Amino acid sequence: MSDRDAWLDDPPWARLRGDGPHRPLRFDAQMHPKPMVEGVLDVFAGR
């Protein structure tokens, strides 16, 4: 799942969440990993 699939910026939800953009997922709209992916991998590796 990527930010392209995120529903948080859809009009009904964005209105409830305040100023955006809201991009909570691990990959951007072009499926490139965000910096948080490295942190997630570190956790699974026990680092």
PDB file of N, CA and C in Angstrom:
ATOM      1  N   MET A   1       0.841  -1.186   0.000  1.00  0.00           N
ATOM      2  CA  MET A   1       0.000   0.000   0.000  1.00  0.00           C
ATOM      3  C   MET A   1       0.880   1.240   0.000  1.00  0.00           C
ATOM      4  N   SER A   2       0.459   2.224  -0.731  1.00  0.00           N
ATOM      5  CA  SER A   2       1.216   3.464  -0.830  1.00  0.00           C
ATOM      6  C   SER A   2       0.307   4.652  -0.533  1.00  0.00           C
ATOM      7  N   ASP A   3       0.915   5.830  -0.482  1.00  0.00           N
ATOM      8  CA  ASP A   3       0.117   7.041  -0.256  1.00  0.00           C
ATOM      9  C   ASP A   3      -0.928   7.243  -1.346  1.00  0.00           C
ATOM     10  N   ARG A   4      -0.685   6.666  -2.511  1.00  0.00           N
ATOM     11  CA  ARG A   4      -1.669   6.744  -3.596  1.00  0.00           C
ATOM     12  C   ARG A   4      -2.981   6.088  -3.159  1.00  0.00           C
ATOM     13  N   ASP A   5      -2.903   5.095  -2.253  1.00  0.00           N
ATOM     14  CA  ASP A   5      -4.079   4.361  -1.793  1.00  0.00           C
ATOM     15  C   ASP A   5      -4.673   4.915  -0.501  1.00  0.00           C
ATOM     16  N   ALA A   6      -4.019   5.897   0.089  1.00  0.00           N
ATOM     17  CA  ALA A   6      -4.473   6.429   1.379  1.00  0.00           C
ATOM     18  C   ALA A   6      -5.818   7.136   1.242  1.00  0.00           C
ATOM     19  N   TRP A   7      -6.681   6.905   2.190  1.00  0.00           N
ATOM     20  CA  TRP A   7      -8.008   7.516   2.168  1.00  0.00           C
ATOM     21  C   TRP A   7      -8.070   8.772   3.025  1.00  0.00           C
ATOM     22  N   LEU A   8      -7.024   9.085   3.766  1.00  0.00           N
ATOM     23  CA  LEU A   8      -7.074  10.206   4.704  1.00  0.00           C
ATOM     24  C   LEU A   8      -7.170  11.574   4.037  1.00  0.00           C
ATOM     25  N   ASP A   9      -6.779  11.674   2.770  1.00  0.00           N
ATOM     26  CA  ASP A   9      -6.899  12.952   2.068  1.00  0.00           C
ATOM     27  C   ASP A   9      -8.178  13.054   1.238  1.00  0.00           C
ATOM     28  N   ASP A  10      -8.981  12.009   1.221  1.00  0.00           N
ATOM     29  CA  ASP A  10     -10.268  12.097   0.532  1.00  0.00           C
ATOM     30  C   ASP A  10     -11.124  13.159   1.220  1.00  0.00           C
ATOM     31  N   PRO A  11     -11.882  13.931   0.469  1.00  0.00           N
ATOM     32  CA  PRO A  11     -12.604  15.075   1.033  1.00  0.00           C
ATOM     33  C   PRO A  11     -13.364  14.828   2.337  1.00  0.00           C
ATOM     34  N   PRO A  12     -14.152  13.754   2.481  1.00  0.00           N
ATOM     35  CA  PRO A  12     -14.887  13.603   3.749  1.00  0.00           C
ATOM     36  C   PRO A  12     -13.968  13.416   4.957  1.00  0.00           C
ATOM     37  N   TRP A  13     -12.840  12.726   4.749  1.00  0.00           N
ATOM     38  CA  TRP A  13     -11.926  12.443   5.863  1.00  0.00           C
ATOM     39  C   TRP A  13     -10.954  13.579   6.109  1.00  0.00           C
ATOM     40  N   ALA A  14     -10.456  14.184   5.057  1.00  0.00           N
ATOM     41  CA  ALA A  14      -9.506  15.290   5.220  1.00  0.00           C
ATOM     42  C   ALA A  14     -10.142  16.417   6.023  1.00  0.00           C
ATOM     43  N   ARG A  15     -11.397  16.653   5.809  1.00  0.00           N
ATOM     44  CA  ARG A  15     -12.118  17.701   6.538  1.00  0.00           C
ATOM     45  C   ARG A  15     -12.102  17.415   8.046  1.00  0.00           C
ATOM     46  N   LEU A  16     -12.204  16.155   8.424  1.00  0.00           N
ATOM     47  CA  LEU A  16     -12.214  15.776   9.839  1.00  0.00           C
ATOM     48  C   LEU A  16     -10.825  15.811  10.473  1.00  0.00           C
ATOM     49  N   ARG A  17      -9.797  15.590   9.675  1.00  0.00           N
ATOM     50  CA  ARG A  17      -8.438  15.486  10.208  1.00  0.00           C
ATOM     51  C   ARG A  17      -7.678  16.798  10.198  1.00  0.00           C
ATOM     52  N   GLY A  18      -8.229  17.836   9.592  1.00  0.00           N
ATOM     53  CA  GLY A  18      -7.540  19.115   9.585  1.00  0.00           C
ATOM     54  C   GLY A  18      -6.596  19.267   8.409  1.00  0.00           C
ATOM     55  N   ASP A  19      -5.762  20.279   8.490  1.00  0.00           N
ATOM     56  CA  ASP A  19      -4.845  20.576   7.391  1.00  0.00           C
ATOM     57  C   ASP A  19      -3.960  19.382   7.079  1.00  0.00           C
ATOM     58  N   GLY A  20      -3.810  19.100   5.813  1.00  0.00           N
ATOM     59  CA  GLY A  20      -3.000  17.974   5.367  1.00  0.00           C
ATOM     60  C   GLY A  20      -1.749  18.487   4.698  1.00  0.00           C
ATOM     61  N   PRO A  21      -1.124  17.722   3.927  1.00  0.00           N
ATOM     62  CA  PRO A  21      -1.578  16.398   3.526  1.00  0.00           C
ATOM     63  C   PRO A  21      -1.305  15.349   4.597  1.00  0.00           C
ATOM     64  N   HIS A  22      -2.087  14.306   4.551  1.00  0.00           N
ATOM     65  CA  HIS A  22      -1.942  13.189   5.485  1.00  0.00           C
ATOM     66  C   HIS A  22      -1.424  12.007   4.690  1.00  0.00           C
ATOM     67  N   ARG A  23      -0.178  11.707   4.892  1.00  0.00           N
ATOM     68  CA  ARG A  23       0.483  10.635   4.138  1.00  0.00           C
ATOM     69  C   ARG A  23       1.069   9.626   5.119  1.00  0.00           C
ATOM     70  N   PRO A  24       0.249   8.738   5.684  1.00  0.00           N
ATOM     71  CA  PRO A  24       0.707   7.866   6.762  1.00  0.00           C
ATOM     72  C   PRO A  24       1.369   6.557   6.347  1.00  0.00           C
ATOM     73  N   LEU A  25       1.341   6.226   5.078  1.00  0.00           N
ATOM     74  CA  LEU A  25       1.796   4.900   4.687  1.00  0.00           C
ATOM     75  C   LEU A  25       3.301   4.862   4.417  1.00  0.00           C
ATOM     76  N   ARG A  26       3.868   3.667   4.337  1.00  0.00           N
ATOM     77  CA  ARG A  26       5.323   3.504   4.259  1.00  0.00           C
ATOM     78  C   ARG A  26       5.929   3.830   2.904  1.00  0.00           C
ATOM     79  N   PHE A  27       5.095   3.892   1.865  1.00  0.00           N
ATOM     80  CA  PHE A  27       5.595   4.158   0.517  1.00  0.00           C
ATOM     81  C   PHE A  27       4.870   5.349  -0.075  1.00  0.00           C
ATOM     82  N   ASP A  28       5.602   6.161  -0.860  1.00  0.00           N
ATOM     83  CA  ASP A  28       4.965   7.318  -1.473  1.00  0.00           C
ATOM     84  C   ASP A  28       4.121   6.872  -2.675  1.00  0.00           C
ATOM     85  N   ALA A  29       3.516   7.803  -3.359  1.00  0.00           N
ATOM     86  CA  ALA A  29       2.606   7.473  -4.462  1.00  0.00           C
ATOM     87  C   ALA A  29       3.308   6.766  -5.616  1.00  0.00           C
ATOM     88  N   GLN A  30       4.631   6.913  -5.722  1.00  0.00           N
ATOM     89  CA  GLN A  30       5.395   6.234  -6.767  1.00  0.00           C
ATOM     90  C   GLN A  30       5.991   4.909  -6.276  1.00  0.00           C
ATOM     91  N   MET A  31       5.551   4.466  -5.098  1.00  0.00           N
ATOM     92  CA  MET A  31       6.005   3.221  -4.471  1.00  0.00           C
ATOM     93  C   MET A  31       7.474   3.261  -4.054  1.00  0.00           C
ATOM     94  N   HIS A  32       8.014   4.452  -3.794  1.00  0.00           N
ATOM     95  CA  HIS A  32       9.359   4.577  -3.237  1.00  0.00           C
ATOM     96  C   HIS A  32       9.241   4.520  -1.723  1.00  0.00           C
ATOM     97  N   PRO A  33      10.125   3.784  -1.059  1.00  0.00           N
ATOM     98  CA  PRO A  33      10.058   3.713   0.398  1.00  0.00           C
ATOM     99  C   PRO A  33      10.374   5.067   1.030  1.00  0.00           C
ATOM    100  N   LYS A  34       9.667   5.363   2.092  1.00  0.00           N
ATOM    101  CA  LYS A  34       9.929   6.584   2.860  1.00  0.00           C
ATOM    102  C   LYS A  34      11.001   6.274   3.904  1.00  0.00           C
ATOM    103  N   PRO A  35      11.582   7.290   4.525  1.00  0.00           N
ATOM    104  CA  PRO A  35      12.619   7.054   5.543  1.00  0.00           C
ATOM    105  C   PRO A  35      12.165   6.123   6.669  1.00  0.00           C
ATOM    106  N   MET A  36      10.894   6.110   6.996  1.00  0.00           N
ATOM    107  CA  MET A  36      10.428   5.268   8.091  1.00  0.00           C
ATOM    108  C   MET A  36      10.583   3.780   7.801  1.00  0.00           C
ATOM    109  N   VAL A  37      10.686   3.404   6.539  1.00  0.00           N
ATOM    110  CA  VAL A  37      10.834   1.989   6.190  1.00  0.00           C
ATOM    111  C   VAL A  37      12.109   1.428   6.812  1.00  0.00           C
ATOM    112  N   GLU A  38      13.176   2.205   6.782  1.00  0.00           N
ATOM    113  CA  GLU A  38      14.423   1.751   7.392  1.00  0.00           C
ATOM    114  C   GLU A  38      14.239   1.491   8.888  1.00  0.00           C
ATOM    115  N   GLY A  39      13.486   2.344   9.554  1.00  0.00           N
ATOM    116  CA  GLY A  39      13.211   2.146  10.972  1.00  0.00           C
ATOM    117  C   GLY A  39      12.392   0.899  11.242  1.00  0.00           C
ATOM    118  N   VAL A  40      11.426   0.643  10.402  1.00  0.00           N
ATOM    119  CA  VAL A  40      10.608  -0.568  10.550  1.00  0.00           C
ATOM    120  C   VAL A  40      11.483  -1.811  10.371  1.00  0.00           C
ATOM    121  N   LEU A  41      12.349  -1.791   9.370  1.00  0.00           N
ATOM    122  CA  LEU A  41      13.245  -2.920   9.150  1.00  0.00           C
ATOM    123  C   LEU A  41      14.209  -3.108  10.320  1.00  0.00           C
ATOM    124  N   ASP A  42      14.677  -2.013  10.895  1.00  0.00           N
ATOM    125  CA  ASP A  42      15.552  -2.094  12.075  1.00  0.00           C
ATOM    126  C   ASP A  42      14.838  -2.774  13.238  1.00  0.00           C
ATOM    127  N   VAL A  43      13.583  -2.454  13.431  1.00  0.00           N
ATOM    128  CA  VAL A  43      12.821  -3.068  14.539  1.00  0.00           C
ATOM    129  C   VAL A  43      12.707  -4.576  14.323  1.00  0.00           C
ATOM    130  N   PHE A  44      12.377  -4.981  13.101  1.00  0.00           N
ATOM    131  CA  PHE A  44      12.256  -6.415  12.833  1.00  0.00           C
ATOM    132  C   PHE A  44      13.598  -7.132  12.942  1.00  0.00           C
ATOM    133  N   ALA A  45      14.689  -6.419  12.683  1.00  0.00           N
ATOM    134  CA  ALA A  45      16.021  -7.005  12.798  1.00  0.00           C
ATOM    135  C   ALA A  45      16.554  -6.965  14.230  1.00  0.00           C
ATOM    136  N   GLY A  46      15.790  -6.358  15.143  1.00  0.00           N
ATOM    137  CA  GLY A  46      16.205  -6.300  16.532  1.00  0.00           C
ATOM    138  C   GLY A  46      17.253  -5.232  16.813  1.00  0.00           C
ATOM    139  N   ARG A  47      17.332  -4.221  15.967  1.00  0.00           N
ATOM    140  CA  ARG A  47      18.326  -3.150  16.175  1.00  0.00           C
ATOM    141  C   ARG A  47      17.710  -1.976  16.877  1.00  0.00           C
TER     142      ARG A  47
END
